[in-house]
């Protein structure tokens, strides 16, 4: 009985996550520069969106990721999880297509599914 319940629960969770993704809804993934409204849609977070833009701008100006991380940490800026920035956390942000308005989850990609924070990228 427990095994059946576990399988059923997994199917329900996967089904709900796919539904959320197909409708460009929050699926449990926090991102710098975004917050979630009452309808579970991502919206621009005016408090942290400038930080995300700053990261992209500095990287476009060919500043090393270690310097960008050091500057942000010196200013007391933290990641969405409250940690100091590291090179890998910056890479994760820079590779995320959500900042250019593409919502991605698994094999689902929705153009204009996210509020755009940067104009063009990679």
PDB file of N, CA and C in Angstrom:
ATOM      1  N   UNK A   1       0.818  -1.196   0.000  1.00  0.00           N
ATOM      2  CA  UNK A   1       0.000   0.000   0.000  1.00  0.00           C
ATOM      3  C   UNK A   1       0.861   1.259   0.000  1.00  0.00           C
ATOM      4  N   UNK A   2       1.931   1.253   0.807  1.00  0.00           N
ATOM      5  CA  UNK A   2       2.823   2.412   0.876  1.00  0.00           C
ATOM      6  C   UNK A   2       3.515   2.648  -0.471  1.00  0.00           C
ATOM      7  N   UNK A   3       3.871   1.573  -1.143  1.00  0.00           N
ATOM      8  CA  UNK A   3       4.529   1.689  -2.444  1.00  0.00           C
ATOM      9  C   UNK A   3       3.576   2.318  -3.468  1.00  0.00           C
ATOM     10  N   UNK A   4       2.332   1.882  -3.474  1.00  0.00           N
ATOM     11  CA  UNK A   4       1.327   2.448  -4.379  1.00  0.00           C
ATOM     12  C   UNK A   4       1.143   3.943  -4.099  1.00  0.00           C
ATOM     13  N   UNK A   5       1.029   4.294  -2.816  1.00  0.00           N
ATOM     14  CA  UNK A   5       0.857   5.695  -2.433  1.00  0.00           C
ATOM     15  C   UNK A   5       2.032   6.530  -2.914  1.00  0.00           C
ATOM     16  N   UNK A   6       3.235   6.009  -2.743  1.00  0.00           N
ATOM     17  CA  UNK A   6       4.443   6.719  -3.148  1.00  0.00           C
ATOM     18  C   UNK A   6       4.463   6.959  -4.660  1.00  0.00           C
ATOM     19  N   UNK A   7       4.116   5.943  -5.436  1.00  0.00           N
ATOM     20  CA  UNK A   7       4.080   6.086  -6.896  1.00  0.00           C
ATOM     21  C   UNK A   7       3.018   7.088  -7.320  1.00  0.00           C
ATOM     22  N   UNK A   8       1.856   7.028  -6.688  1.00  0.00           N
ATOM     23  CA  UNK A   8       0.766   7.949  -7.008  1.00  0.00           C
ATOM     24  C   UNK A   8       1.157   9.387  -6.671  1.00  0.00           C
ATOM     25  N   UNK A   9       1.800   9.570  -5.541  1.00  0.00           N
ATOM     26  CA  UNK A   9       2.240  10.897  -5.129  1.00  0.00           C
ATOM     27  C   UNK A   9       3.246  11.465  -6.120  1.00  0.00           C
ATOM     28  N   UNK A  10       4.187  10.641  -6.551  1.00  0.00           N
ATOM     29  CA  UNK A  10       5.184  11.069  -7.531  1.00  0.00           C
ATOM     30  C   UNK A  10       4.498  11.497  -8.832  1.00  0.00           C
ATOM     31  N   UNK A  11       3.552  10.712  -9.305  1.00  0.00           N
ATOM     32  CA  UNK A  11       2.835  11.058 -10.541  1.00  0.00           C
ATOM     33  C   UNK A  11       2.105  12.387 -10.395  1.00  0.00           C
ATOM     34  N   UNK A  12       1.482  12.598  -9.259  1.00  0.00           N
ATOM     35  CA  UNK A  12       0.768  13.853  -9.025  1.00  0.00           C
ATOM     36  C   UNK A  12       1.714  15.049  -9.007  1.00  0.00           C
ATOM     37  N   UNK A  13       2.870  14.883  -8.371  1.00  0.00           N
ATOM     38  CA  UNK A  13       3.852  15.971  -8.307  1.00  0.00           C
ATOM     39  C   UNK A  13       4.390  16.280  -9.703  1.00  0.00           C
ATOM     40  N   UNK A  14       4.745  15.262 -10.457  1.00  0.00           N
ATOM     41  CA  UNK A  14       5.261  15.465 -11.814  1.00  0.00           C
ATOM     42  C   UNK A  14       4.200  16.124 -12.694  1.00  0.00           C
ATOM     43  N   UNK A  15       2.979  15.677 -12.583  1.00  0.00           N
ATOM     44  CA  UNK A  15       1.881  16.259 -13.373  1.00  0.00           C
ATOM     45  C   UNK A  15       1.715  17.744 -13.050  1.00  0.00           C
ATOM     46  N   UNK A  16       1.745  18.101 -11.764  1.00  0.00           N
ATOM     47  CA  UNK A  16       1.581  19.495 -11.353  1.00  0.00           C
ATOM     48  C   UNK A  16       2.764  20.348 -11.812  1.00  0.00           C
ATOM     49  N   UNK A  17       3.973  19.803 -11.744  1.00  0.00           N
ATOM     50  CA  UNK A  17       5.148  20.562 -12.179  1.00  0.00           C
ATOM     51  C   UNK A  17       5.111  20.814 -13.686  1.00  0.00           C
ATOM     52  N   UNK A  18       4.669  19.835 -14.457  1.00  0.00           N
ATOM     53  CA  UNK A  18       4.537  20.024 -15.908  1.00  0.00           C
ATOM     54  C   UNK A  18       3.451  21.056 -16.212  1.00  0.00           C
ATOM     55  N   UNK A  19       2.343  20.997 -15.479  1.00  0.00           N
ATOM     56  CA  UNK A  19       1.285  21.993 -15.658  1.00  0.00           C
ATOM     57  C   UNK A  19       1.826  23.393 -15.373  1.00  0.00           C
ATOM     58  N   UNK A  20       2.544  23.530 -14.264  1.00  0.00           N
ATOM     59  CA  UNK A  20       3.137  24.827 -13.930  1.00  0.00           C
ATOM     60  C   UNK A  20       4.066  25.298 -15.042  1.00  0.00           C
ATOM     61  N   UNK A  21       4.885  24.402 -15.544  1.00  0.00           N
ATOM     62  CA  UNK A  21       5.835  24.769 -16.597  1.00  0.00           C
ATOM     63  C   UNK A  21       5.117  25.159 -17.882  1.00  0.00           C
ATOM     64  N   UNK A  22       4.100  24.433 -18.253  1.00  0.00           N
ATOM     65  CA  UNK A  22       3.360  24.741 -19.482  1.00  0.00           C
ATOM     66  C   UNK A  22       2.657  26.094 -19.399  1.00  0.00           C
ATOM     67  N   UNK A  23       2.427  26.572 -18.185  1.00  0.00           N
ATOM     68  CA  UNK A  23       1.773  27.853 -17.987  1.00  0.00           C
ATOM     69  C   UNK A  23       2.734  28.923 -17.451  1.00  0.00           C
ATOM     70  N   UNK A  24       4.044  28.639 -17.512  1.00  0.00           N
ATOM     71  CA  UNK A  24       5.100  29.556 -17.068  1.00  0.00           C
ATOM     72  C   UNK A  24       4.874  30.019 -15.635  1.00  0.00           C
ATOM     73  N   UNK A  25       4.549  29.079 -14.765  1.00  0.00           N
ATOM     74  CA  UNK A  25       4.308  29.383 -13.351  1.00  0.00           C
ATOM     75  C   UNK A  25       5.517  28.980 -12.516  1.00  0.00           C
ATOM     76  N   UNK A  26       5.586  29.531 -11.323  1.00  0.00           N
ATOM     77  CA  UNK A  26       6.641  29.216 -10.359  1.00  0.00           C
ATOM     78  C   UNK A  26       6.641  27.720 -10.075  1.00  0.00           C
ATOM     79  N   UNK A  27       7.830  27.141 -10.137  1.00  0.00           N
ATOM     80  CA  UNK A  27       7.963  25.700  -9.915  1.00  0.00           C
ATOM     81  C   UNK A  27       8.958  25.401  -8.797  1.00  0.00           C
ATOM     82  N   UNK A  28       9.113  26.361  -7.876  1.00  0.00           N
ATOM     83  CA  UNK A  28      10.005  26.126  -6.752  1.00  0.00           C
ATOM     84  C   UNK A  28      11.428  26.597  -6.953  1.00  0.00           C
ATOM     85  N   UNK A  29      11.694  27.329  -8.020  1.00  0.00           N
ATOM     86  CA  UNK A  29      13.048  27.772  -8.326  1.00  0.00           C
ATOM     87  C   UNK A  29      13.150  29.289  -8.146  1.00  0.00           C
ATOM     88  N   UNK A  30      13.821  29.725  -7.083  1.00  0.00           N
ATOM     89  CA  UNK A  30      14.015  31.155  -6.850  1.00  0.00           C
ATOM     90  C   UNK A  30      15.125  31.667  -7.756  1.00  0.00           C
ATOM     91  N   UNK A  31      14.947  32.897  -8.253  1.00  0.00           N
ATOM     92  CA  UNK A  31      15.953  33.494  -9.126  1.00  0.00           C
ATOM     93  C   UNK A  31      16.184  34.949  -8.749  1.00  0.00           C
ATOM     94  N   UNK A  32      17.432  35.348  -8.771  1.00  0.00           N
ATOM     95  CA  UNK A  32      17.805  36.725  -8.494  1.00  0.00           C
ATOM     96  C   UNK A  32      17.132  37.641  -9.506  1.00  0.00           C
ATOM     97  N   UNK A  33      16.473  38.679  -9.020  1.00  0.00           N
ATOM     98  CA  UNK A  33      15.815  39.633  -9.907  1.00  0.00           C
ATOM     99  C   UNK A  33      14.335  39.377 -10.099  1.00  0.00           C
ATOM    100  N   UNK A  34      13.854  38.255  -9.592  1.00  0.00           N
ATOM    101  CA  UNK A  34      12.443  37.889  -9.746  1.00  0.00           C
ATOM    102  C   UNK A  34      11.819  37.566  -8.402  1.00  0.00           C
ATOM    103  N   UNK A  35      10.526  37.791  -8.313  1.00  0.00           N
ATOM    104  CA  UNK A  35       9.729  37.292  -7.201  1.00  0.00           C
ATOM    105  C   UNK A  35       8.459  36.704  -7.799  1.00  0.00           C
ATOM    106  N   UNK A  36       7.627  36.122  -6.969  1.00  0.00           N
ATOM    107  CA  UNK A  36       6.434  35.428  -7.447  1.00  0.00           C
ATOM    108  C   UNK A  36       5.201  36.161  -6.927  1.00  0.00           C
ATOM    109  N   UNK A  37       4.242  36.407  -7.823  1.00  0.00           N
ATOM    110  CA  UNK A  37       3.007  37.092  -7.401  1.00  0.00           C
ATOM    111  C   UNK A  37       1.985  36.088  -6.881  1.00  0.00           C
ATOM    112  N   UNK A  38       0.793  36.570  -6.564  1.00  0.00           N
ATOM    113  CA  UNK A  38      -0.253  35.714  -5.998  1.00  0.00           C
ATOM    114  C   UNK A  38      -0.752  34.641  -6.968  1.00  0.00           C
ATOM    115  N   UNK A  39      -0.558  34.871  -8.271  1.00  0.00           N
ATOM    116  CA  UNK A  39      -1.007  33.896  -9.266  1.00  0.00           C
ATOM    117  C   UNK A  39       0.098  32.901  -9.640  1.00  0.00           C
ATOM    118  N   UNK A  40       1.213  32.927  -8.906  1.00  0.00           N
ATOM    119  CA  UNK A  40       2.370  32.050  -9.118  1.00  0.00           C
ATOM    120  C   UNK A  40       3.161  32.376 -10.374  1.00  0.00           C
ATOM    121  N   UNK A  41       2.978  33.571 -10.938  1.00  0.00           N
ATOM    122  CA  UNK A  41       3.789  34.007 -12.078  1.00  0.00           C
ATOM    123  C   UNK A  41       5.020  34.748 -11.562  1.00  0.00           C
ATOM    124  N   UNK A  42       6.115  34.614 -12.302  1.00  0.00           N
ATOM    125  CA  UNK A  42       7.304  35.382 -11.976  1.00  0.00           C
ATOM    126  C   UNK A  42       7.064  36.835 -12.362  1.00  0.00           C
ATOM    127  N   UNK A  43       7.474  37.742 -11.492  1.00  0.00           N
ATOM    128  CA  UNK A  43       7.441  39.167 -11.796  1.00  0.00           C
ATOM    129  C   UNK A  43       8.798  39.749 -11.424  1.00  0.00           C
ATOM    130  N   UNK A  44       9.086  40.899 -11.988  1.00  0.00           N
ATOM    131  CA  UNK A  44      10.354  41.557 -11.727  1.00  0.00           C
ATOM    132  C   UNK A  44      10.387  42.026 -10.271  1.00  0.00           C
ATOM    133  N   UNK A  45      11.491  41.754  -9.606  1.00  0.00           N
ATOM    134  CA  UNK A  45      11.706  42.232  -8.240  1.00  0.00           C
ATOM    135  C   UNK A  45      12.547  43.495  -8.333  1.00  0.00           C
ATOM    136  N   UNK A  46      11.921  44.632  -8.087  1.00  0.00           N
ATOM    137  CA  UNK A  46      12.605  45.917  -8.237  1.00  0.00           C
ATOM    138  C   UNK A  46      13.801  46.060  -7.302  1.00  0.00           C
ATOM    139  N   UNK A  47      13.832  45.308  -6.218  1.00  0.00           N
ATOM    140  CA  UNK A  47      14.946  45.388  -5.274  1.00  0.00           C
ATOM    141  C   UNK A  47      16.185  44.645  -5.766  1.00  0.00           C
ATOM    142  N   UNK A  48      15.999  43.512  -6.435  1.00  0.00           N
ATOM    143  CA  UNK A  48      17.154  42.702  -6.838  1.00  0.00           C
ATOM    144  C   UNK A  48      17.408  42.676  -8.345  1.00  0.00           C
ATOM    145  N   UNK A  49      16.471  43.162  -9.151  1.00  0.00           N
ATOM    146  CA  UNK A  49      16.677  43.185 -10.606  1.00  0.00           C
ATOM    147  C   UNK A  49      17.911  44.006 -10.996  1.00  0.00           C
ATOM    148  N   UNK A  50      18.181  45.147 -10.340  1.00  0.00           N
ATOM    149  CA  UNK A  50      19.396  45.885 -10.690  1.00  0.00           C
ATOM    150  C   UNK A  50      20.680  45.089 -10.439  1.00  0.00           C
ATOM    151  N   UNK A  51      20.668  44.216  -9.453  1.00  0.00           N
ATOM    152  CA  UNK A  51      21.841  43.383  -9.178  1.00  0.00           C
ATOM    153  C   UNK A  51      22.057  42.411 -10.335  1.00  0.00           C
ATOM    154  N   UNK A  52      20.997  41.789 -10.806  1.00  0.00           N
ATOM    155  CA  UNK A  52      21.108  40.864 -11.938  1.00  0.00           C
ATOM    156  C   UNK A  52      21.613  41.604 -13.178  1.00  0.00           C
ATOM    157  N   UNK A  53      21.063  42.782 -13.428  1.00  0.00           N
ATOM    158  CA  UNK A  53      21.520  43.570 -14.583  1.00  0.00           C
ATOM    159  C   UNK A  53      22.988  43.956 -14.435  1.00  0.00           C
ATOM    160  N   UNK A  54      23.384  44.291 -13.223  1.00  0.00           N
ATOM    161  CA  UNK A  54      24.774  44.660 -12.947  1.00  0.00           C
ATOM    162  C   UNK A  54      25.705  43.497 -13.286  1.00  0.00           C
ATOM    163  N   UNK A  55      25.326  42.300 -12.909  1.00  0.00           N
ATOM    164  CA  UNK A  55      26.141  41.116 -13.194  1.00  0.00           C
ATOM    165  C   UNK A  55      26.325  40.950 -14.701  1.00  0.00           C
ATOM    166  N   UNK A  56      25.243  41.045 -15.455  1.00  0.00           N
ATOM    167  CA  UNK A  56      25.323  40.909 -16.914  1.00  0.00           C
ATOM    168  C   UNK A  56      26.159  42.030 -17.529  1.00  0.00           C
ATOM    169  N   UNK A  57      25.979  43.252 -17.044  1.00  0.00           N
ATOM    170  CA  UNK A  57      26.721  44.409 -17.581  1.00  0.00           C
ATOM    171  C   UNK A  57      28.208  44.251 -17.327  1.00  0.00           C
ATOM    172  N   UNK A  58      28.577  43.888 -16.109  1.00  0.00           N
ATOM    173  CA  UNK A  58      29.992  43.723 -15.776  1.00  0.00           C
ATOM    174  C   UNK A  58      30.624  42.598 -16.583  1.00  0.00           C
ATOM    175  N   UNK A  59      29.895  41.525 -16.774  1.00  0.00           N
ATOM    176  CA  UNK A  59      30.409  40.415 -17.560  1.00  0.00           C
ATOM    177  C   UNK A  59      30.565  40.817 -19.027  1.00  0.00           C
ATOM    178  N   UNK A  60      29.605  41.575 -19.538  1.00  0.00           N
ATOM    179  CA  UNK A  60      29.691  42.060 -20.925  1.00  0.00           C
ATOM    180  C   UNK A  60      30.871  43.013 -21.103  1.00  0.00           C
ATOM    181  N   UNK A  61      31.233  43.705 -20.046  1.00  0.00           N
ATOM    182  CA  UNK A  61      32.390  44.605 -20.075  1.00  0.00           C
ATOM    183  C   UNK A  61      33.693  43.851 -19.826  1.00  0.00           C
ATOM    184  N   UNK A  62      33.648  42.533 -19.880  1.00  0.00           N
ATOM    185  CA  UNK A  62      34.792  41.625 -19.770  1.00  0.00           C
ATOM    186  C   UNK A  62      35.470  41.693 -18.401  1.00  0.00           C
ATOM    187  N   UNK A  63      34.690  41.885 -17.378  1.00  0.00           N
ATOM    188  CA  UNK A  63      35.231  41.844 -16.023  1.00  0.00           C
ATOM    189  C   UNK A  63      35.225  40.380 -15.567  1.00  0.00           C
ATOM    190  N   UNK A  64      36.317  39.916 -14.963  1.00  0.00           N
ATOM    191  CA  UNK A  64      36.372  38.523 -14.497  1.00  0.00           C
ATOM    192  C   UNK A  64      35.299  38.235 -13.441  1.00  0.00           C
ATOM    193  N   UNK A  65      34.791  37.027 -13.466  1.00  0.00           N
ATOM    194  CA  UNK A  65      33.739  36.634 -12.524  1.00  0.00           C
ATOM    195  C   UNK A  65      34.192  36.740 -11.071  1.00  0.00           C
ATOM    196  N   UNK A  66      35.460  36.474 -10.816  1.00  0.00           N
ATOM    197  CA  UNK A  66      35.952  36.594  -9.437  1.00  0.00           C
ATOM    198  C   UNK A  66      35.859  38.035  -8.955  1.00  0.00           C
ATOM    199  N   UNK A  67      36.153  38.982  -9.827  1.00  0.00           N
ATOM    200  CA  UNK A  67      36.049  40.399  -9.441  1.00  0.00           C
ATOM    201  C   UNK A  67      34.599  40.806  -9.213  1.00  0.00           C
ATOM    202  N   UNK A  68      33.714  40.347 -10.072  1.00  0.00           N
ATOM    203  CA  UNK A  68      32.290  40.667  -9.911  1.00  0.00           C
ATOM    204  C   UNK A  68      31.789  40.113  -8.576  1.00  0.00           C
ATOM    205  N   UNK A  69      32.134  38.870  -8.277  1.00  0.00           N
ATOM    206  CA  UNK A  69      31.718  38.246  -7.017  1.00  0.00           C
ATOM    207  C   UNK A  69      32.292  39.009  -5.827  1.00  0.00           C
ATOM    208  N   UNK A  70      33.567  39.381  -5.908  1.00  0.00           N
ATOM    209  CA  UNK A  70      34.193  40.109  -4.805  1.00  0.00           C
ATOM    210  C   UNK A  70      33.513  41.458  -4.576  1.00  0.00           C
ATOM    211  N   UNK A  71      33.176  42.165  -5.659  1.00  0.00           N
ATOM    212  CA  UNK A  71      32.503  43.460  -5.530  1.00  0.00           C
ATOM    213  C   UNK A  71      31.128  43.312  -4.882  1.00  0.00           C
ATOM    214  N   UNK A  72      30.359  42.341  -5.348  1.00  0.00           N
ATOM    215  CA  UNK A  72      29.025  42.126  -4.787  1.00  0.00           C
ATOM    216  C   UNK A  72      29.106  41.747  -3.310  1.00  0.00           C
ATOM    217  N   UNK A  73      30.032  40.862  -2.971  1.00  0.00           N
ATOM    218  CA  UNK A  73      30.181  40.429  -1.583  1.00  0.00           C
ATOM    219  C   UNK A  73      30.642  41.578  -0.687  1.00  0.00           C
ATOM    220  N   UNK A  74      31.534  42.442  -1.204  1.00  0.00           N
ATOM    221  CA  UNK A  74      32.010  43.590  -0.432  1.00  0.00           C
ATOM    222  C   UNK A  74      30.873  44.578  -0.154  1.00  0.00           C
ATOM    223  N   UNK A  75      29.909  44.646  -1.074  1.00  0.00           N
ATOM    224  CA  UNK A  75      28.762  45.532  -0.899  1.00  0.00           C
ATOM    225  C   UNK A  75      27.683  44.905  -0.013  1.00  0.00           C
ATOM    226  N   UNK A  76      27.873  43.652   0.368  1.00  0.00           N
ATOM    227  CA  UNK A  76      26.901  42.974   1.224  1.00  0.00           C
ATOM    228  C   UNK A  76      25.739  42.361   0.462  1.00  0.00           C
ATOM    229  N   UNK A  77      25.840  42.305  -0.864  1.00  0.00           N
ATOM    230  CA  UNK A  77      24.783  41.701  -1.681  1.00  0.00           C
ATOM    231  C   UNK A  77      24.900  40.185  -1.555  1.00  0.00           C
ATOM    232  N   UNK A  78      23.768  39.512  -1.448  1.00  0.00           N
ATOM    233  CA  UNK A  78      23.765  38.061  -1.296  1.00  0.00           C
ATOM    234  C   UNK A  78      22.903  37.400  -2.366  1.00  0.00           C
ATOM    235  N   UNK A  79      23.104  36.106  -2.536  1.00  0.00           N
ATOM    236  CA  UNK A  79      22.320  35.334  -3.495  1.00  0.00           C
ATOM    237  C   UNK A  79      20.897  35.193  -2.968  1.00  0.00           C
ATOM    238  N   UNK A  80      20.016  34.585  -3.745  1.00  0.00           N
ATOM    239  CA  UNK A  80      18.635  34.378  -3.306  1.00  0.00           C
ATOM    240  C   UNK A  80      18.562  33.444  -2.098  1.00  0.00           C
ATOM    241  N   UNK A  81      19.617  32.708  -1.852  1.00  0.00           N
ATOM    242  CA  UNK A  81      19.657  31.793  -0.706  1.00  0.00           C
ATOM    243  C   UNK A  81      20.410  32.403   0.476  1.00  0.00           C
ATOM    244  N   UNK A  82      20.775  33.680   0.369  1.00  0.00           N
ATOM    245  CA  UNK A  82      21.429  34.378   1.465  1.00  0.00           C
ATOM    246  C   UNK A  82      22.910  34.103   1.608  1.00  0.00           C
ATOM    247  N   UNK A  83      23.525  33.537   0.593  1.00  0.00           N
ATOM    248  CA  UNK A  83      24.950  33.210   0.637  1.00  0.00           C
ATOM    249  C   UNK A  83      25.759  34.241  -0.138  1.00  0.00           C
ATOM    250  N   UNK A  84      27.054  34.220   0.061  1.00  0.00           N
ATOM    251  CA  UNK A  84      27.937  35.071  -0.725  1.00  0.00           C
ATOM    252  C   UNK A  84      28.004  34.544  -2.155  1.00  0.00           C
ATOM    253  N   UNK A  85      28.267  35.447  -3.084  1.00  0.00           N
ATOM    254  CA  UNK A  85      28.411  35.057  -4.480  1.00  0.00           C
ATOM    255  C   UNK A  85      29.736  34.350  -4.699  1.00  0.00           C
ATOM    256  N   UNK A  86      29.701  33.333  -5.503  1.00  0.00           N
ATOM    257  CA  UNK A  86      30.880  32.590  -5.948  1.00  0.00           C
ATOM    258  C   UNK A  86      30.865  32.606  -7.473  1.00  0.00           C
ATOM    259  N   UNK A  87      31.947  32.205  -8.077  1.00  0.00           N
ATOM    260  CA  UNK A  87      32.030  32.157  -9.536  1.00  0.00           C
ATOM    261  C   UNK A  87      30.925  31.273 -10.105  1.00  0.00           C
ATOM    262  N   UNK A  88      30.674  30.130  -9.483  1.00  0.00           N
ATOM    263  CA  UNK A  88      29.648  29.220  -9.999  1.00  0.00           C
ATOM    264  C   UNK A  88      28.244  29.806  -9.905  1.00  0.00           C
ATOM    265  N   UNK A  89      27.959  30.561  -8.851  1.00  0.00           N
ATOM    266  CA  UNK A  89      26.626  31.166  -8.750  1.00  0.00           C
ATOM    267  C   UNK A  89      26.441  32.222  -9.841  1.00  0.00           C
ATOM    268  N   UNK A  90      27.513  32.938 -10.172  1.00  0.00           N
ATOM    269  CA  UNK A  90      27.435  33.913 -11.268  1.00  0.00           C
ATOM    270  C   UNK A  90      27.270  33.208 -12.609  1.00  0.00           C
ATOM    271  N   UNK A  91      27.984  32.114 -12.816  1.00  0.00           N
ATOM    272  CA  UNK A  91      27.843  31.348 -14.061  1.00  0.00           C
ATOM    273  C   UNK A  91      26.405  30.857 -14.232  1.00  0.00           C
ATOM    274  N   UNK A  92      25.821  30.399 -13.146  1.00  0.00           N
ATOM    275  CA  UNK A  92      24.442  29.911 -13.182  1.00  0.00           C
ATOM    276  C   UNK A  92      23.490  31.025 -13.623  1.00  0.00           C
ATOM    277  N   UNK A  93      23.689  32.212 -13.106  1.00  0.00           N
ATOM    278  CA  UNK A  93      22.861  33.354 -13.491  1.00  0.00           C
ATOM    279  C   UNK A  93      23.080  33.702 -14.959  1.00  0.00           C
ATOM    280  N   UNK A  94      24.322  33.756 -15.386  1.00  0.00           N
ATOM    281  CA  UNK A  94      24.640  34.160 -16.754  1.00  0.00           C
ATOM    282  C   UNK A  94      24.160  33.158 -17.804  1.00  0.00           C
ATOM    283  N   UNK A  95      24.043  31.895 -17.437  1.00  0.00           N
ATOM    284  CA  UNK A  95      23.571  30.866 -18.376  1.00  0.00           C
ATOM    285  C   UNK A  95      22.051  30.754 -18.419  1.00  0.00           C
ATOM    286  N   UNK A  96      21.368  31.371 -17.467  1.00  0.00           N
ATOM    287  CA  UNK A  96      19.924  31.226 -17.343  1.00  0.00           C
ATOM    288  C   UNK A  96      19.207  32.101 -18.378  1.00  0.00           C
ATOM    289  N   UNK A  97      18.472  31.472 -19.279  1.00  0.00           N
ATOM    290  CA  UNK A  97      17.771  32.193 -20.344  1.00  0.00           C
ATOM    291  C   UNK A  97      16.555  32.957 -19.847  1.00  0.00           C
ATOM    292  N   UNK A  98      16.166  32.728 -18.597  1.00  0.00           N
ATOM    293  CA  UNK A  98      15.012  33.440 -18.037  1.00  0.00           C
ATOM    294  C   UNK A  98      15.235  34.950 -18.070  1.00  0.00           C
ATOM    295  N   UNK A  99      16.469  35.380 -17.924  1.00  0.00           N
ATOM    296  CA  UNK A  99      16.761  36.813 -17.899  1.00  0.00           C
ATOM    297  C   UNK A  99      16.503  37.479 -19.250  1.00  0.00           C
ATOM    298  N   UNK A 100      16.446  36.682 -20.312  1.00  0.00           N
ATOM    299  CA  UNK A 100      16.125  37.221 -21.647  1.00  0.00           C
ATOM    300  C   UNK A 100      14.708  36.864 -22.064  1.00  0.00           C
ATOM    301  N   UNK A 101      13.885  36.444 -21.140  1.00  0.00           N
ATOM    302  CA  UNK A 101      12.436  36.213 -21.265  1.00  0.00           C
ATOM    303  C   UNK A 101      12.007  34.796 -21.617  1.00  0.00           C
ATOM    304  N   UNK A 102      12.898  33.826 -21.563  1.00  0.00           N
ATOM    305  CA  UNK A 102      12.557  32.443 -21.916  1.00  0.00           C
ATOM    306  C   UNK A 102      12.365  31.617 -20.642  1.00  0.00           C
ATOM    307  N   UNK A 103      11.172  31.072 -20.464  1.00  0.00           N
ATOM    308  CA  UNK A 103      10.891  30.175 -19.348  1.00  0.00           C
ATOM    309  C   UNK A 103      11.291  28.772 -19.786  1.00  0.00           C
ATOM    310  N   UNK A 104      12.127  28.104 -18.986  1.00  0.00           N
ATOM    311  CA  UNK A 104      12.558  26.748 -19.318  1.00  0.00           C
ATOM    312  C   UNK A 104      12.338  25.804 -18.147  1.00  0.00           C
ATOM    313  N   UNK A 105      11.812  24.653 -18.469  1.00  0.00           N
ATOM    314  CA  UNK A 105      11.686  23.574 -17.490  1.00  0.00           C
ATOM    315  C   UNK A 105      11.694  22.267 -18.270  1.00  0.00           C
ATOM    316  N   UNK A 106      12.668  21.424 -17.986  1.00  0.00           N
ATOM    317  CA  UNK A 106      12.791  20.152 -18.670  1.00  0.00           C
ATOM    318  C   UNK A 106      12.800  20.384 -20.183  1.00  0.00           C
ATOM    319  N   UNK A 107      11.856  19.796 -20.911  1.00  0.00           N
ATOM    320  CA  UNK A 107      11.809  19.974 -22.367  1.00  0.00           C
ATOM    321  C   UNK A 107      10.878  21.115 -22.779  1.00  0.00           C
ATOM    322  N   UNK A 108      10.361  21.858 -21.821  1.00  0.00           N
ATOM    323  CA  UNK A 108       9.415  22.938 -22.102  1.00  0.00           C
ATOM    324  C   UNK A 108      10.147  24.269 -22.137  1.00  0.00           C
ATOM    325  N   UNK A 109       9.979  24.995 -23.230  1.00  0.00           N
ATOM    326  CA  UNK A 109      10.562  26.329 -23.380  1.00  0.00           C
ATOM    327  C   UNK A 109       9.465  27.273 -23.855  1.00  0.00           C
ATOM    328  N   UNK A 110       9.277  28.368 -23.126  1.00  0.00           N
ATOM    329  CA  UNK A 110       8.224  29.326 -23.471  1.00  0.00           C
ATOM    330  C   UNK A 110       8.835  30.707 -23.649  1.00  0.00           C
ATOM    331  N   UNK A 111       8.836  31.178 -24.890  1.00  0.00           N
ATOM    332  CA  UNK A 111       9.309  32.536 -25.187  1.00  0.00           C
ATOM    333  C   UNK A 111       8.312  33.518 -24.584  1.00  0.00           C
ATOM    334  N   UNK A 112       8.798  34.588 -23.995  1.00  0.00           N
ATOM    335  CA  UNK A 112       7.991  35.604 -23.301  1.00  0.00           C
ATOM    336  C   UNK A 112       7.308  35.036 -22.056  1.00  0.00           C
ATOM    337  N   UNK A 113       7.831  33.957 -21.502  1.00  0.00           N
ATOM    338  CA  UNK A 113       7.267  33.374 -20.294  1.00  0.00           C
ATOM    339  C   UNK A 113       7.795  34.010 -19.019  1.00  0.00           C
ATOM    340  N   UNK A 114       8.818  34.844 -19.165  1.00  0.00           N
ATOM    341  CA  UNK A 114       9.433  35.526 -18.025  1.00  0.00           C
ATOM    342  C   UNK A 114       9.541  37.012 -18.332  1.00  0.00           C
ATOM    343  N   UNK A 115       9.494  37.855 -17.305  1.00  0.00           N
ATOM    344  CA  UNK A 115       9.769  39.273 -17.547  1.00  0.00           C
ATOM    345  C   UNK A 115      11.244  39.422 -17.942  1.00  0.00           C
ATOM    346  N   UNK A 116      11.503  40.165 -18.979  1.00  0.00           N
ATOM    347  CA  UNK A 116      12.869  40.342 -19.475  1.00  0.00           C
ATOM    348  C   UNK A 116      13.636  41.303 -18.566  1.00  0.00           C
ATOM    349  N   UNK A 117      14.838  40.893 -18.145  1.00  0.00           N
ATOM    350  CA  UNK A 117      15.704  41.765 -17.349  1.00  0.00           C
ATOM    351  C   UNK A 117      16.890  42.279 -18.143  1.00  0.00           C
ATOM    352  N   UNK A 118      17.333  41.508 -19.134  1.00  0.00           N
ATOM    353  CA  UNK A 118      18.429  41.955 -20.003  1.00  0.00           C
ATOM    354  C   UNK A 118      17.955  41.831 -21.449  1.00  0.00           C
ATOM    355  N   UNK A 119      18.475  42.707 -22.299  1.00  0.00           N
ATOM    356  CA  UNK A 119      17.984  42.736 -23.672  1.00  0.00           C
ATOM    357  C   UNK A 119      18.470  41.552 -24.499  1.00  0.00           C
ATOM    358  N   UNK A 120      19.728  41.441 -24.694  1.00  0.00           N
ATOM    359  CA  UNK A 120      20.260  40.361 -25.526  1.00  0.00           C
ATOM    360  C   UNK A 120      21.347  39.648 -24.769  1.00  0.00           C
ATOM    361  N   UNK A 121      21.447  38.391 -25.000  1.00  0.00           N
ATOM    362  CA  UNK A 121      22.490  37.620 -24.328  1.00  0.00           C
ATOM    363  C   UNK A 121      22.795  36.375 -25.105  1.00  0.00           C
ATOM    364  N   UNK A 122      24.034  36.016 -25.164  1.00  0.00           N
ATOM    365  CA  UNK A 122      24.570  34.827 -25.806  1.00  0.00           C
ATOM    366  C   UNK A 122      23.657  34.331 -26.863  1.00  0.00           C
TER     367      UNK A 122
END
